[in-house]
Amino acid sequence: MTQLIDKPRYIQLYENILEKIENKKFDSDYQLPSENEFAKEFNVNRHTVRQALQLLKDEGYIYTKKGKGNFIANIKLPYKITDKSNYSSQILDLGYEPNTKFLSAEIIKGSNKICKALELERDSEIIELKLLRFANELPISISISYFDALKFHKILDYKDIKPFSLYKVLSICYKKLEITKESTIFEALMPTLEEAKLLLMPQSNPVLSTTTISRDQFGNIVEYGQALFRADMCKVKVDLI
């Protein structure tokens, strides 16, 4: 790669690493050299290295594991189209470490779209639950779930449970509840600035949106949910048999 003399050194280093990432010279989850190793290799100080790595992190190309270092973020997680799902178990099966960060939970007045999806009357009170999901400490998706506040109000009593798991909370509150996905709709969207920041990605990159309806064993609507996945880290898997 040609390095322009008038470019700051941290930009040159940033472009050097980025070129290797884009040319697939690193395996998924590859650990980058330490700041000291980069500084020695490129004859720069650690502050310059730190600037380059921070730029790569801000743009979603790398992520940091506390106490371990920086890693390439070219993870590809398959989104399985099944009637049941468990985020943590799926991530563990792929060899990654799952985690969920609780963002918010509040009762809102449902929009016409949400109330219709939940088969409720207009302006019904709805629980809106937002979660940020990780794989190997890298934010992968934003999950937004909507529930009938009258029927599922107990969820709010467990919003401080750690580590937070929506389906664990549902199993605690409603022990006999069995949930099955009825349908999933996929759509490519552009993220908002807030969503892009949460997912550590440029706002100019698209997200893969999945909208799901889930019902209980009696056919009643339980959840209307939307998940926004980093499109560069997700692929759809359909099992036909």
Protein backbone atom coordinates (compact mmCIF):
# COMPACT_ATOMS: atom_id res chain seq x y z
CA MET A 1 0.00 0.00 0.00
CA THR A 2 1.31 3.45 -0.93
CA GLN A 3 1.63 5.70 2.07
CA LEU A 4 1.28 9.42 1.47
CA ILE A 5 3.91 11.54 3.19
CA ASP A 6 1.42 14.23 4.16
CA LYS A 7 -0.82 11.79 6.01
CA PRO A 8 -0.53 11.60 9.82
CA ARG A 9 1.29 8.50 11.02
CA TYR A 10 -1.76 7.12 12.81
CA ILE A 11 -3.75 7.34 9.56
CA GLN A 12 -1.01 5.47 7.73
CA LEU A 13 -1.06 2.75 10.38
CA TYR A 14 -4.87 2.66 10.33
CA GLU A 15 -4.87 2.20 6.53
CA ASN A 16 -2.19 -0.50 6.72
CA ILE A 17 -4.22 -2.60 9.17
CA LEU A 18 -7.50 -1.90 7.37
CA GLU A 19 -6.04 -3.09 4.05
CA LYS A 20 -5.11 -6.41 5.66
CA ILE A 21 -8.59 -6.76 7.14
CA GLU A 22 -10.33 -6.02 3.84
CA ASN A 23 -8.03 -8.39 1.93
CA LYS A 24 -8.95 -11.20 4.37
CA LYS A 25 -5.38 -11.58 5.62
CA PHE A 26 -6.68 -12.07 9.15
CA ASP A 27 -8.89 -14.93 10.33
CA SER A 28 -12.15 -14.22 12.13
CA ASP A 29 -11.49 -13.20 15.73
CA TYR A 30 -7.74 -12.86 15.02
CA GLN A 31 -5.85 -11.16 17.84
CA LEU A 32 -3.88 -8.11 16.73
CA PRO A 33 -0.35 -7.42 17.96
CA SER A 34 -0.03 -5.36 21.12
CA GLU A 35 0.44 -1.59 21.10
CA ASN A 36 4.12 -2.10 21.93
CA GLU A 37 4.57 -4.55 19.05
CA PHE A 38 2.89 -2.19 16.57
CA ALA A 39 4.98 0.73 17.87
CA LYS A 40 8.19 -1.24 17.36
CA GLU A 41 7.20 -2.57 13.93
CA PHE A 42 6.22 0.84 12.52
CA ASN A 43 8.70 2.93 14.52
CA VAL A 44 6.01 5.09 16.11
CA ASN A 45 5.03 5.85 19.71
CA ARG A 46 2.21 4.07 21.52
CA HIS A 47 -0.04 7.13 21.36
CA THR A 48 0.06 6.96 17.55
CA VAL A 49 -0.80 3.25 17.67
CA ARG A 50 -3.62 3.90 20.10
CA GLN A 51 -5.11 6.55 17.78
CA ALA A 52 -5.07 4.15 14.82
CA LEU A 53 -6.64 1.32 16.81
CA GLN A 54 -9.31 3.62 18.24
CA LEU A 55 -10.26 4.69 14.72
CA LEU A 56 -10.58 1.05 13.66
CA LYS A 57 -12.65 0.36 16.77
CA ASP A 58 -14.93 3.36 16.16
CA GLU A 59 -15.63 2.08 12.66
CA GLY A 60 -16.38 -1.45 13.85
CA TYR A 61 -13.38 -3.25 12.33
CA ILE A 62 -11.90 -4.37 15.65
CA TYR A 63 -13.05 -4.78 19.23
CA THR A 64 -11.34 -5.07 22.60
CA LYS A 65 -11.50 -7.92 25.10
CA LYS A 66 -10.71 -6.57 28.55
CA GLY A 67 -7.32 -7.80 29.70
CA LYS A 68 -6.67 -9.69 26.46
CA GLY A 69 -6.19 -7.19 23.64
CA ASN A 70 -7.70 -6.20 20.30
CA PHE A 71 -9.37 -8.62 17.90
CA ILE A 72 -10.62 -8.54 14.31
CA ALA A 73 -14.40 -8.14 14.19
CA ASN A 74 -15.11 -10.11 11.01
CA ILE A 75 -17.40 -12.54 12.81
CA LYS A 76 -20.19 -14.09 10.74
CA LEU A 77 -23.08 -15.31 12.88
CA PRO A 78 -25.75 -17.43 11.18
CA TYR A 79 -29.31 -16.35 11.97
CA LYS A 80 -31.25 -19.60 12.06
CA ILE A 81 -34.83 -19.51 10.89
CA THR A 82 -36.55 -21.83 13.35
CA ASP A 83 -39.74 -21.71 15.38
CA LYS A 84 -37.71 -21.42 18.60
CA SER A 85 -34.54 -19.54 19.42
CA ASN A 86 -32.10 -19.10 22.26
CA TYR A 87 -29.48 -16.45 21.56
CA SER A 88 -26.99 -17.56 24.22
CA SER A 89 -27.01 -21.24 23.27
CA GLN A 90 -26.63 -20.44 19.57
CA ILE A 91 -23.63 -18.19 20.23
CA LEU A 92 -22.03 -20.77 22.52
CA ASP A 93 -22.51 -23.47 19.87
CA LEU A 94 -20.50 -21.29 17.46
CA GLY A 95 -17.63 -21.02 19.92
CA TYR A 96 -18.23 -17.40 20.93
CA GLU A 97 -19.02 -15.93 24.34
CA PRO A 98 -22.54 -14.47 24.53
CA ASN A 99 -23.57 -11.53 26.66
CA THR A 100 -26.59 -9.25 26.90
CA LYS A 101 -26.67 -5.65 28.10
CA PHE A 102 -29.98 -4.34 29.40
CA LEU A 103 -30.73 -0.95 27.80
CA SER A 104 -34.23 -0.02 28.92
CA ALA A 105 -37.70 -1.22 29.86
CA GLU A 106 -40.72 1.03 30.04
CA ILE A 107 -44.46 1.11 29.55
CA ILE A 108 -45.47 3.11 26.50
CA LYS A 109 -48.66 3.84 24.61
CA GLY A 110 -48.51 1.48 21.68
CA SER A 111 -48.52 2.80 18.14
CA ASN A 112 -51.13 1.52 15.72
CA LYS A 113 -48.54 -0.79 14.18
CA ILE A 114 -47.47 -2.34 17.49
CA CYS A 115 -51.01 -2.71 18.83
CA LYS A 116 -52.13 -4.35 15.60
CA ALA A 117 -49.18 -6.76 15.71
CA LEU A 118 -50.02 -7.70 19.31
CA GLU A 119 -53.74 -7.95 18.44
CA LEU A 120 -54.61 -5.23 20.97
CA GLU A 121 -56.86 -2.20 20.83
CA ARG A 122 -55.40 1.13 19.74
CA ASP A 123 -53.40 3.08 22.36
CA SER A 124 -53.05 0.03 24.62
CA GLU A 125 -50.25 0.11 27.18
CA ILE A 126 -47.22 -1.80 25.94
CA ILE A 127 -43.97 -2.92 27.55
CA GLU A 128 -41.02 -1.90 25.38
CA LEU A 129 -37.84 -3.80 26.24
CA LYS A 130 -34.48 -2.96 24.62
CA LEU A 131 -31.37 -5.16 24.80
CA LEU A 132 -27.91 -5.02 23.28
CA ARG A 133 -26.50 -8.45 22.47
CA PHE A 134 -22.82 -9.36 22.19
CA ALA A 135 -20.59 -12.13 20.87
CA ASN A 136 -17.05 -12.10 22.30
CA GLU A 137 -17.65 -8.61 23.73
CA LEU A 138 -18.52 -7.30 20.25
CA PRO A 139 -22.02 -5.79 19.94
CA ILE A 140 -23.91 -7.82 17.34
CA SER A 141 -27.54 -6.79 17.57
CA ILE A 142 -30.09 -4.51 19.19
CA SER A 143 -33.22 -6.34 20.28
CA ILE A 144 -36.53 -4.53 20.88
CA SER A 145 -39.44 -6.56 22.25
CA TYR A 146 -43.04 -5.49 22.80
CA PHE A 147 -45.50 -7.14 25.19
CA ASP A 148 -49.03 -6.47 26.38
CA ALA A 149 -48.34 -4.53 29.62
CA LEU A 150 -51.54 -5.77 31.25
CA LYS A 151 -50.74 -9.41 30.64
CA PHE A 152 -46.96 -9.43 31.03
CA HIS A 153 -46.35 -6.70 33.63
CA LYS A 154 -44.28 -9.08 35.81
CA ILE A 155 -41.41 -8.74 33.34
CA LEU A 156 -40.62 -5.32 34.79
CA ASP A 157 -40.07 -6.83 38.24
CA TYR A 158 -37.03 -8.70 36.92
CA LYS A 159 -35.38 -6.08 34.72
CA ASP A 160 -32.38 -5.85 37.08
CA ILE A 161 -31.58 -9.57 36.93
CA LYS A 162 -27.95 -10.23 35.94
CA PRO A 163 -26.99 -11.56 33.52
CA PHE A 164 -30.22 -10.49 31.85
CA SER A 165 -32.04 -13.08 29.74
CA LEU A 166 -35.49 -12.30 28.40
CA TYR A 167 -36.55 -15.90 28.10
CA LYS A 168 -35.19 -16.69 31.55
CA VAL A 169 -37.33 -13.88 32.95
CA LEU A 170 -40.39 -15.18 31.07
CA SER A 171 -39.78 -18.69 32.38
CA ILE A 172 -39.58 -17.34 35.95
CA CYS A 173 -42.69 -15.17 35.69
CA TYR A 174 -44.83 -17.50 33.59
CA LYS A 175 -43.65 -21.03 34.27
CA LYS A 176 -46.18 -22.76 32.02
CA LEU A 177 -45.68 -20.43 29.07
CA GLU A 178 -44.45 -22.05 25.85
CA ILE A 179 -43.33 -19.64 23.12
CA THR A 180 -43.06 -20.39 19.42
CA LYS A 181 -42.15 -18.08 16.56
CA GLU A 182 -44.99 -17.66 14.09
CA SER A 183 -43.15 -15.66 11.44
CA THR A 184 -39.99 -13.68 10.75
CA ILE A 185 -39.64 -10.88 8.20
CA PHE A 186 -36.20 -9.74 6.99
CA GLU A 187 -35.43 -6.25 5.77
CA ALA A 188 -32.29 -4.17 5.07
CA LEU A 189 -32.38 -0.81 6.87
CA MET A 190 -30.03 2.09 7.55
CA PRO A 191 -29.34 2.53 11.29
CA THR A 192 -30.00 5.68 13.25
CA LEU A 193 -27.01 7.47 14.74
CA GLU A 194 -27.82 6.00 18.17
CA GLU A 195 -28.12 2.46 16.76
CA ALA A 196 -24.83 2.80 14.87
CA LYS A 197 -23.06 3.96 18.03
CA LEU A 198 -24.43 1.04 20.05
CA LEU A 199 -23.29 -1.43 17.37
CA LEU A 200 -19.87 0.27 16.94
CA MET A 201 -20.40 0.67 13.21
CA PRO A 202 -20.51 3.50 10.66
CA GLN A 203 -24.00 4.92 10.20
CA SER A 204 -23.50 4.53 6.43
CA ASN A 205 -23.49 0.72 6.76
CA PRO A 206 -26.83 -1.15 6.64
CA VAL A 207 -28.29 -3.39 9.32
CA LEU A 208 -30.31 -6.56 8.84
CA SER A 209 -33.68 -6.09 10.51
CA THR A 210 -35.75 -9.08 11.60
CA THR A 211 -39.34 -8.61 12.73
CA THR A 212 -40.87 -11.55 14.57
CA ILE A 213 -44.28 -12.55 15.92
CA SER A 214 -44.37 -15.17 18.69
CA ARG A 215 -47.35 -17.01 20.15
CA ASP A 216 -47.99 -19.25 23.14
CA GLN A 217 -49.17 -22.86 23.08
CA PHE A 218 -52.79 -21.68 22.87
CA GLY A 219 -52.23 -19.44 19.84
CA ASN A 220 -52.21 -16.14 21.75
CA ILE A 221 -49.72 -13.42 20.78
CA VAL A 222 -46.87 -13.16 23.30
CA GLU A 223 -44.26 -10.94 21.68
CA TYR A 224 -43.78 -8.62 18.76
CA GLY A 225 -40.07 -8.10 18.35
CA GLN A 226 -37.50 -6.46 16.15
CA ALA A 227 -33.78 -7.16 16.07
CA LEU A 228 -31.19 -5.06 14.24
CA PHE A 229 -28.08 -7.04 13.31
CA ARG A 230 -24.82 -5.71 11.96
CA ALA A 231 -25.19 -6.84 8.35
CA ASP A 232 -21.43 -7.39 8.02
CA MET A 233 -21.52 -9.91 10.87
CA CYS A 234 -24.67 -11.85 10.19
CA LYS A 235 -25.84 -14.36 7.62
CA VAL A 236 -29.22 -16.08 7.31
CA LYS A 237 -29.41 -19.86 7.58
CA VAL A 238 -32.52 -21.72 6.43
CA ASP A 239 -32.89 -25.41 7.30
CA LEU A 240 -35.33 -26.97 4.84
CA ILE A 241 -35.31 -30.42 6.43
